[in-house]
Amino acid sequence: MASVKIVTNKPGPAPKATAYADIKGQGRVPYGKSEAAPMAGNTMKKTAMRGAGAAIRGKSFMGC
């Protein structure tokens, strides 16, 4: 009869977080910083939606 070997090894510690990507043989590349999305202007105005169905219903939205 065949026997089954059960592996009960514990995994090692998880790798630590870094602020850069280490590419083998090419060096380190820093991760970018997060910023707010660029906007054309900060003025919000009421804009009409386009299309025949929107014209009939009179739909509009706030846009830049």
C-alpha atoms as a PDB file:
ATOM      1  CA  MET A   1       0.000   0.000   0.000  1.00  0.00           C
ATOM      2  CA  ALA A   2       1.270   3.517  -0.809  1.00  0.00           C
ATOM      3  CA  SER A   3       1.938   5.999   1.949  1.00  0.00           C
ATOM      4  CA  VAL A   4       1.138   9.714   1.858  1.00  0.00           C
ATOM      5  CA  LYS A   5       3.727  12.182   3.089  1.00  0.00           C
ATOM      6  CA  ILE A   6       2.243  15.261   4.760  1.00  0.00           C
ATOM      7  CA  VAL A   7       4.447  18.365   4.636  1.00  0.00           C
ATOM      8  CA  THR A   8       3.981  20.510   7.741  1.00  0.00           C
ATOM      9  CA  ASN A   9       6.665  23.152   7.248  1.00  0.00           C
ATOM     10  CA  LYS A  10       5.835  26.653   8.467  1.00  0.00           C
ATOM     11  CA  PRO A  11       6.216  29.439   5.912  1.00  0.00           C
ATOM     12  CA  GLY A  12       8.940  31.998   6.487  1.00  0.00           C
ATOM     13  CA  PRO A  13       8.316  35.653   7.345  1.00  0.00           C
ATOM     14  CA  ALA A  14       6.697  37.845   4.688  1.00  0.00           C
ATOM     15  CA  PRO A  15       8.935  40.302   2.803  1.00  0.00           C
ATOM     16  CA  LYS A  16       9.030  43.872   4.142  1.00  0.00           C
ATOM     17  CA  ALA A  17       7.401  46.708   2.189  1.00  0.00           C
ATOM     18  CA  THR A  18       9.746  49.104   0.377  1.00  0.00           C
ATOM     19  CA  ALA A  19       9.345  52.481  -1.370  1.00  0.00           C
ATOM     20  CA  TYR A  20      11.058  51.239  -4.532  1.00  0.00           C
ATOM     21  CA  ALA A  21      11.010  48.391  -7.030  1.00  0.00           C
ATOM     22  CA  ASP A  22      14.274  46.455  -7.160  1.00  0.00           C
ATOM     23  CA  ILE A  23      14.750  45.151 -10.716  1.00  0.00           C
ATOM     24  CA  LYS A  24      17.444  42.484 -10.974  1.00  0.00           C
ATOM     25  CA  GLY A  25      20.497  43.739 -12.839  1.00  0.00           C
ATOM     26  CA  GLN A  26      18.940  47.164 -13.545  1.00  0.00           C
ATOM     27  CA  GLY A  27      18.794  48.892 -10.166  1.00  0.00           C
ATOM     28  CA  ARG A  28      16.030  50.486  -8.153  1.00  0.00           C
ATOM     29  CA  VAL A  29      13.011  52.406  -9.428  1.00  0.00           C
ATOM     30  CA  PRO A  30      11.145  54.553  -6.863  1.00  0.00           C
ATOM     31  CA  TYR A  31       7.361  54.274  -6.710  1.00  0.00           C
ATOM     32  CA  GLY A  32       5.458  57.463  -7.592  1.00  0.00           C
ATOM     33  CA  LYS A  33       3.637  59.648  -5.094  1.00  0.00           C
ATOM     34  CA  SER A  34      -0.147  59.848  -5.220  1.00  0.00           C
ATOM     35  CA  GLU A  35      -1.634  63.202  -6.203  1.00  0.00           C
ATOM     36  CA  ALA A  36      -5.047  64.620  -6.927  1.00  0.00           C
ATOM     37  CA  ALA A  37      -6.299  64.374 -10.502  1.00  0.00           C
ATOM     38  CA  PRO A  38      -5.551  67.494 -12.559  1.00  0.00           C
ATOM     39  CA  MET A  39      -8.547  69.617 -13.478  1.00  0.00           C
ATOM     40  CA  ALA A  40      -8.858  72.184 -16.274  1.00  0.00           C
ATOM     41  CA  GLY A  41     -10.512  74.653 -13.922  1.00  0.00           C
ATOM     42  CA  ASN A  42     -12.232  74.690 -10.578  1.00  0.00           C
ATOM     43  CA  THR A  43     -15.402  76.357 -11.892  1.00  0.00           C
ATOM     44  CA  MET A  44     -18.428  74.087 -11.966  1.00  0.00           C
ATOM     45  CA  LYS A  45     -21.256  75.039 -14.315  1.00  0.00           C
ATOM     46  CA  LYS A  46     -24.522  73.490 -15.390  1.00  0.00           C
ATOM     47  CA  THR A  47     -24.080  71.750 -18.772  1.00  0.00           C
ATOM     48  CA  ALA A  48     -26.824  70.282 -20.956  1.00  0.00           C
ATOM     49  CA  MET A  49     -26.565  66.665 -22.063  1.00  0.00           C
ATOM     50  CA  ARG A  50     -26.526  66.074 -25.805  1.00  0.00           C
ATOM     51  CA  GLY A  51     -28.815  63.848 -27.824  1.00  0.00           C
ATOM     52  CA  ALA A  52     -32.453  63.766 -28.859  1.00  0.00           C
ATOM     53  CA  GLY A  53     -33.624  61.795 -25.825  1.00  0.00           C
ATOM     54  CA  ALA A  54     -31.847  64.127 -23.389  1.00  0.00           C
ATOM     55  CA  ALA A  55     -33.285  67.167 -25.199  1.00  0.00           C
ATOM     56  CA  ILE A  56     -36.815  65.841 -24.784  1.00  0.00           C
ATOM     57  CA  ARG A  57     -36.305  65.108 -21.077  1.00  0.00           C
ATOM     58  CA  GLY A  58     -34.315  68.296 -20.421  1.00  0.00           C
ATOM     59  CA  LYS A  59     -31.452  66.530 -18.629  1.00  0.00           C
ATOM     60  CA  SER A  60     -28.389  68.456 -17.446  1.00  0.00           C
ATOM     61  CA  PHE A  61     -25.385  67.873 -15.173  1.00  0.00           C
ATOM     62  CA  MET A  62     -22.691  69.811 -13.331  1.00  0.00           C
ATOM     63  CA  GLY A  63     -19.380  69.836 -15.203  1.00  0.00           C
ATOM     64  CA  CYS A  64     -16.129  71.706 -15.592  1.00  0.00           C
END
